C-alpha atoms as a PDB file:
ATOM      1  CA  MET A   1       6.273  28.180  -8.202  1.00  0.00           C
ATOM      2  CA  GLY A   2       7.697  29.918  -5.038  1.00  0.00           C
ATOM      3  CA  LEU A   3       9.245  27.816  -2.561  1.00  0.00           C
ATOM      4  CA  VAL A   4       6.625  28.695   0.041  1.00  0.00           C
ATOM      5  CA  ILE A   5       3.642  26.981  -2.494  1.00  0.00           C
ATOM      6  CA  LEU A   6       6.195  23.707  -3.305  1.00  0.00           C
ATOM      7  CA  LEU A   7       7.325  23.186   0.142  1.00  0.00           C
ATOM      8  CA  ALA A   8       3.352  23.252   1.416  1.00  0.00           C
ATOM      9  CA  VAL A   9       2.958  21.436  -1.664  1.00  0.00           C
ATOM     10  CA  VAL A  10       5.684  18.704  -0.249  1.00  0.00           C
ATOM     11  CA  VAL A  11       4.061  18.666   2.812  1.00  0.00           C
ATOM     12  CA  LEU A  12       1.037  18.025   1.230  1.00  0.00           C
ATOM     13  CA  ALA A  13       2.278  15.667  -0.665  1.00  0.00           C
ATOM     14  CA  GLY A  14       3.132  13.297   2.189  1.00  0.00           C
ATOM     15  CA  ALA A  15      -0.448  13.609   3.750  1.00  0.00           C
ATOM     16  CA  VAL A  16      -1.879  11.669   1.408  1.00  0.00           C
ATOM     17  CA  LEU A  17       0.751   9.197   1.391  1.00  0.00           C
ATOM     18  CA  SER A  18      -0.491   8.882   5.180  1.00  0.00           C
ATOM     19  CA  VAL A  19      -3.589   8.945   4.689  1.00  0.00           C
ATOM     20  CA  GLN A  20      -2.224   6.366   0.794  1.00  0.00           C
ATOM     21  CA  ALA A  21      -0.711   3.148   4.118  1.00  0.00           C
ATOM     22  CA  ALA A  22      -4.355   4.099   6.817  1.00  0.00           C
ATOM     23  CA  ILE A  23      -6.265   2.763   3.966  1.00  0.00           C
ATOM     24  CA  ASN A  24      -4.036   0.740   1.972  1.00  0.00           C
ATOM     25  CA  GLY A  25      -2.550  -1.081   5.380  1.00  0.00           C
ATOM     26  CA  ARG A  26      -6.808  -1.778   5.985  1.00  0.00           C
ATOM     27  CA  LEU A  27      -7.161  -3.587   2.695  1.00  0.00           C
ATOM     28  CA  GLY A  28      -4.154  -5.349   3.271  1.00  0.00           C
ATOM     29  CA  GLU A  29      -5.391  -6.923   6.534  1.00  0.00           C
ATOM     30  CA  SER A  30      -8.319  -7.942   4.057  1.00  0.00           C
ATOM     31  CA  VAL A  31      -7.078  -9.711   0.864  1.00  0.00           C
ATOM     32  CA  GLY A  32      -3.580  -9.207   1.631  1.00  0.00           C
ATOM     33  CA  VAL A  33      -0.306  -7.430   1.141  1.00  0.00           C
ATOM     34  CA  LEU A  34       0.606  -8.147  -2.387  1.00  0.00           C
ATOM     35  CA  ARG A  35      -2.615  -8.115  -3.652  1.00  0.00           C
ATOM     36  CA  SER A  36      -3.105  -5.229  -2.017  1.00  0.00           C
ATOM     37  CA  SER A  37      -0.578  -3.479  -3.338  1.00  0.00           C
ATOM     38  CA  LEU A  38      -0.473  -4.779  -6.943  1.00  0.00           C
ATOM     39  CA  LEU A  39      -4.325  -2.577  -6.585  1.00  0.00           C
ATOM     40  CA  THR A  40      -2.864   0.416  -5.719  1.00  0.00           C
ATOM     41  CA  PHE A  41       0.665  -0.485  -8.374  1.00  0.00           C
ATOM     42  CA  ALA A  42      -1.830  -1.182 -11.252  1.00  0.00           C
ATOM     43  CA  VAL A  43      -4.036   1.217 -10.641  1.00  0.00           C
ATOM     44  CA  GLY A  44      -0.841   4.260 -10.328  1.00  0.00           C
ATOM     45  CA  ALA A  45      -0.136   2.595 -13.849  1.00  0.00           C
ATOM     46  CA  VAL A  46      -3.012   2.978 -15.030  1.00  0.00           C
ATOM     47  CA  VAL A  47      -3.221   6.633 -14.107  1.00  0.00           C
ATOM     48  CA  THR A  48       0.041   7.286 -15.040  1.00  0.00           C
ATOM     49  CA  GLY A  49      -0.410   6.249 -18.243  1.00  0.00           C
ATOM     50  CA  LEU A  50      -3.908   8.863 -18.680  1.00  0.00           C
ATOM     51  CA  LEU A  51      -1.265  11.359 -16.963  1.00  0.00           C
ATOM     52  CA  ILE A  52       1.588  10.527 -19.604  1.00  0.00           C
ATOM     53  CA  PHE A  53      -1.285  10.338 -22.774  1.00  0.00           C
ATOM     54  CA  PHE A  54      -2.516  13.539 -22.655  1.00  0.00           C
ATOM     55  CA  PHE A  55      -0.538  16.360 -20.513  1.00  0.00           C
ATOM     56  CA  GLU A  56       3.516  14.316 -20.889  1.00  0.00           C
ATOM     57  CA  PRO A  57       5.818  16.688 -23.363  1.00  0.00           C
ATOM     58  CA  VAL A  58       8.338  14.784 -25.748  1.00  0.00           C
ATOM     59  CA  GLN A  59      11.259  14.141 -23.954  1.00  0.00           C
ATOM     60  CA  ALA A  60      14.778  13.952 -24.850  1.00  0.00           C
ATOM     61  CA  VAL A  61      15.422  11.410 -24.143  1.00  0.00           C
ATOM     62  CA  SER A  62      12.850   7.582 -23.797  1.00  0.00           C
ATOM     63  CA  LEU A  63      13.358   5.334 -21.062  1.00  0.00           C
ATOM     64  CA  LEU A  64      15.423   2.720 -22.930  1.00  0.00           C
ATOM     65  CA  GLU A  65      18.110   5.002 -23.413  1.00  0.00           C
ATOM     66  CA  VAL A  66      18.584   6.856 -20.024  1.00  0.00           C
ATOM     67  CA  PRO A  67      22.064   4.708 -17.272  1.00  0.00           C
ATOM     68  CA  LYS A  68      19.647   1.978 -15.975  1.00  0.00           C
ATOM     69  CA  TRP A  69      20.759   2.643 -12.381  1.00  0.00           C
ATOM     70  CA  GLN A  70      17.638   5.027 -12.801  1.00  0.00           C
ATOM     71  CA  LEU A  71      15.084   2.439 -13.394  1.00  0.00           C
ATOM     72  CA  THR A  72      16.197   0.874  -9.966  1.00  0.00           C
ATOM     73  CA  GLY A  73      14.151   3.918  -7.874  1.00  0.00           C
ATOM     74  CA  ALA A  74      10.664   1.905  -8.932  1.00  0.00           C
ATOM     75  CA  LEU A  75      11.755  -0.517  -6.925  1.00  0.00           C
ATOM     76  CA  PHE A  76      12.133   0.881  -4.333  1.00  0.00           C
ATOM     77  CA  GLY A  77       8.383   1.923  -4.210  1.00  0.00           C
ATOM     78  CA  VAL A  78       7.636  -1.344  -4.241  1.00  0.00           C
ATOM     79  CA  LEU A  79       9.233  -2.152  -1.108  1.00  0.00           C
ATOM     80  CA  TYR A  80       8.213   0.609   0.974  1.00  0.00           C
ATOM     81  CA  MET A  81       4.124   0.077   0.011  1.00  0.00           C
ATOM     82  CA  MET A  82       4.849  -4.354   1.116  1.00  0.00           C
ATOM     83  CA  VAL A  83       6.919  -2.574   4.483  1.00  0.00           C
ATOM     84  CA  MET A  84       3.413   0.140   4.678  1.00  0.00           C
ATOM     85  CA  VAL A  85       1.020  -2.267   4.252  1.00  0.00           C
ATOM     86  CA  GLY A  86       1.832  -5.029   6.592  1.00  0.00           C
ATOM     87  CA  ALA A  87       3.604  -2.226   9.216  1.00  0.00           C
ATOM     88  CA  VAL A  88       0.374  -0.156   9.782  1.00  0.00           C
ATOM     89  CA  PRO A  89      -2.148  -2.813  11.080  1.00  0.00           C
ATOM     90  CA  VAL A  90       0.071  -2.757  13.361  1.00  0.00           C
ATOM     91  CA  VAL A  91       2.299  -0.246  15.172  1.00  0.00           C
ATOM     92  CA  GLY A  92      -0.464   2.240  13.530  1.00  0.00           C
ATOM     93  CA  THR A  93      -0.454   4.686  11.142  1.00  0.00           C
ATOM     94  CA  ALA A  94       1.408   8.098  12.665  1.00  0.00           C
ATOM     95  CA  VAL A  95       4.462   5.725  14.060  1.00  0.00           C
ATOM     96  CA  ALA A  96       5.319   3.951  11.108  1.00  0.00           C
ATOM     97  CA  THR A  97       5.172   6.968   9.047  1.00  0.00           C
ATOM     98  CA  VAL A  98       7.374   8.453  11.495  1.00  0.00           C
ATOM     99  CA  ALA A  99       9.459   6.146  11.076  1.00  0.00           C
ATOM    100  CA  VAL A 100       9.358   6.149   7.616  1.00  0.00           C
ATOM    101  CA  ILE A 101      10.099   9.765   8.323  1.00  0.00           C
ATOM    102  CA  VAL A 102      13.563   8.631  10.265  1.00  0.00           C
ATOM    103  CA  GLY A 103      14.254   6.229   7.105  1.00  0.00           C
ATOM    104  CA  GLN A 104      13.862   9.330   4.898  1.00  0.00           C
ATOM    105  CA  LEU A 105      16.206  11.721   6.954  1.00  0.00           C
ATOM    106  CA  GLY A 106      18.883   9.627   7.010  1.00  0.00           C
ATOM    107  CA  MET A 107      19.519   8.163   3.404  1.00  0.00           C
ATOM    108  CA  GLY A 108      18.715  12.162   2.940  1.00  0.00           C
ATOM    109  CA  MET A 109      21.359  13.934   4.441  1.00  0.00           C
ATOM    110  CA  LEU A 110      23.771  10.872   3.823  1.00  0.00           C
ATOM    111  CA  ILE A 111      22.480  11.813  -0.095  1.00  0.00           C
ATOM    112  CA  ASP A 112      22.737  15.101   0.357  1.00  0.00           C
ATOM    113  CA  ASN A 113      26.387  15.402   2.022  1.00  0.00           C
ATOM    114  CA  PHE A 114      28.156  13.193  -0.715  1.00  0.00           C
ATOM    115  CA  GLY A 115      26.401  13.426  -3.628  1.00  0.00           C
ATOM    116  CA  TRP A 116      25.143  10.736  -4.438  1.00  0.00           C
ATOM    117  CA  LEU A 117      23.235   9.568  -7.206  1.00  0.00           C
ATOM    118  CA  GLY A 118      24.278  12.463  -9.086  1.00  0.00           C
ATOM    119  CA  ASN A 119      22.411  15.179  -6.088  1.00  0.00           C
ATOM    120  CA  PRO A 120      24.488  18.566  -5.603  1.00  0.00           C
ATOM    121  CA  ALA A 121      26.008  17.878  -2.497  1.00  0.00           C
ATOM    122  CA  ILE A 122      24.872  19.933   0.990  1.00  0.00           C
ATOM    123  CA  GLU A 123      27.070  19.615   3.905  1.00  0.00           C
ATOM    124  CA  LEU A 124      25.898  18.256   7.300  1.00  0.00           C
ATOM    125  CA  SER A 125      25.659  20.212   9.267  1.00  0.00           C
ATOM    126  CA  SER A 126      25.000  20.457  13.356  1.00  0.00           C
ATOM    127  CA  SER A 127      21.375  21.539  12.892  1.00  0.00           C
ATOM    128  CA  ARG A 128      20.975  18.511  10.783  1.00  0.00           C
ATOM    129  CA  VAL A 129      22.594  16.323  12.816  1.00  0.00           C
ATOM    130  CA  LEU A 130      20.000  17.898  15.353  1.00  0.00           C
ATOM    131  CA  ALA A 131      17.055  17.275  13.654  1.00  0.00           C
ATOM    132  CA  MET A 132      17.978  13.716  12.677  1.00  0.00           C
ATOM    133  CA  GLY A 133      17.891  13.176  16.920  1.00  0.00           C
ATOM    134  CA  CYS A 134      15.318  14.960  17.568  1.00  0.00           C
ATOM    135  CA  LEU A 135      12.950  12.675  15.092  1.00  0.00           C
ATOM    136  CA  ALA A 136      13.674   9.697  16.831  1.00  0.00           C
ATOM    137  CA  LEU A 137      13.727  10.368  19.313  1.00  0.00           C
ATOM    138  CA  ALA A 138       9.876  12.072  18.468  1.00  0.00           C
ATOM    139  CA  LEU A 139       9.602   7.872  17.087  1.00  0.00           C
ATOM    140  CA  VAL A 140      11.045   6.841  20.420  1.00  0.00           C
ATOM    141  CA  PHE A 141       8.226   8.489  22.338  1.00  0.00           C
ATOM    142  CA  MET A 142       5.530   7.917  19.961  1.00  0.00           C
ATOM    143  CA  TYR A 143       6.085   4.129  19.414  1.00  0.00           C
ATOM    144  CA  ARG A 144       6.106   3.888  23.270  1.00  0.00           C
ATOM    145  CA  SER A 145       3.195   6.211  24.398  1.00  0.00           C
ATOM    146  CA  SER A 146       1.350   3.654  21.431  1.00  0.00           C
ATOM    147  CA  SER A 147      -1.427   1.184  22.925  1.00  0.00           C
ATOM    148  CA  ARG A 148      -1.120  -1.002  20.201  1.00  0.00           C
ATOM    149  CA  SER A 149       2.601  -1.085  19.925  1.00  0.00           C
ATOM    150  CA  VAL A 150       3.924  -4.570  20.379  1.00  0.00           C
ATOM    151  CA  ASP A 151       6.419  -4.886  22.810  1.00  0.00           C
END
């Protein structure tokens, strides 16, 4: 898969996350944050299970054999879901999404710079810091211009 196509698919995945956040925010207001999160993860588990059963090739290592720290990523998905379900009805989908991206970019830059979690090190550059500053500024402008923002 070419790099441009891969990046387009990643951008599309980000767009889908915003749609999911908006839908789950409404659902969370109706049935509660935890029930909304439970539905998302239950449906996700069933769909993923079916995909594994029908399409996943056999792997050399099972989930029980990997280093245990690699399993903690699943917990972060629960935290993300619950925070977004609670935040979207308060600050709106765009502000909540940009706030998440600011956090993702900041942590991603640290992971890249230090090569944490077994990832290759990519040096922090002035252009990366500038991009982070621009995104943080975008969050400030979006939050301030939001008629739904809570002070």
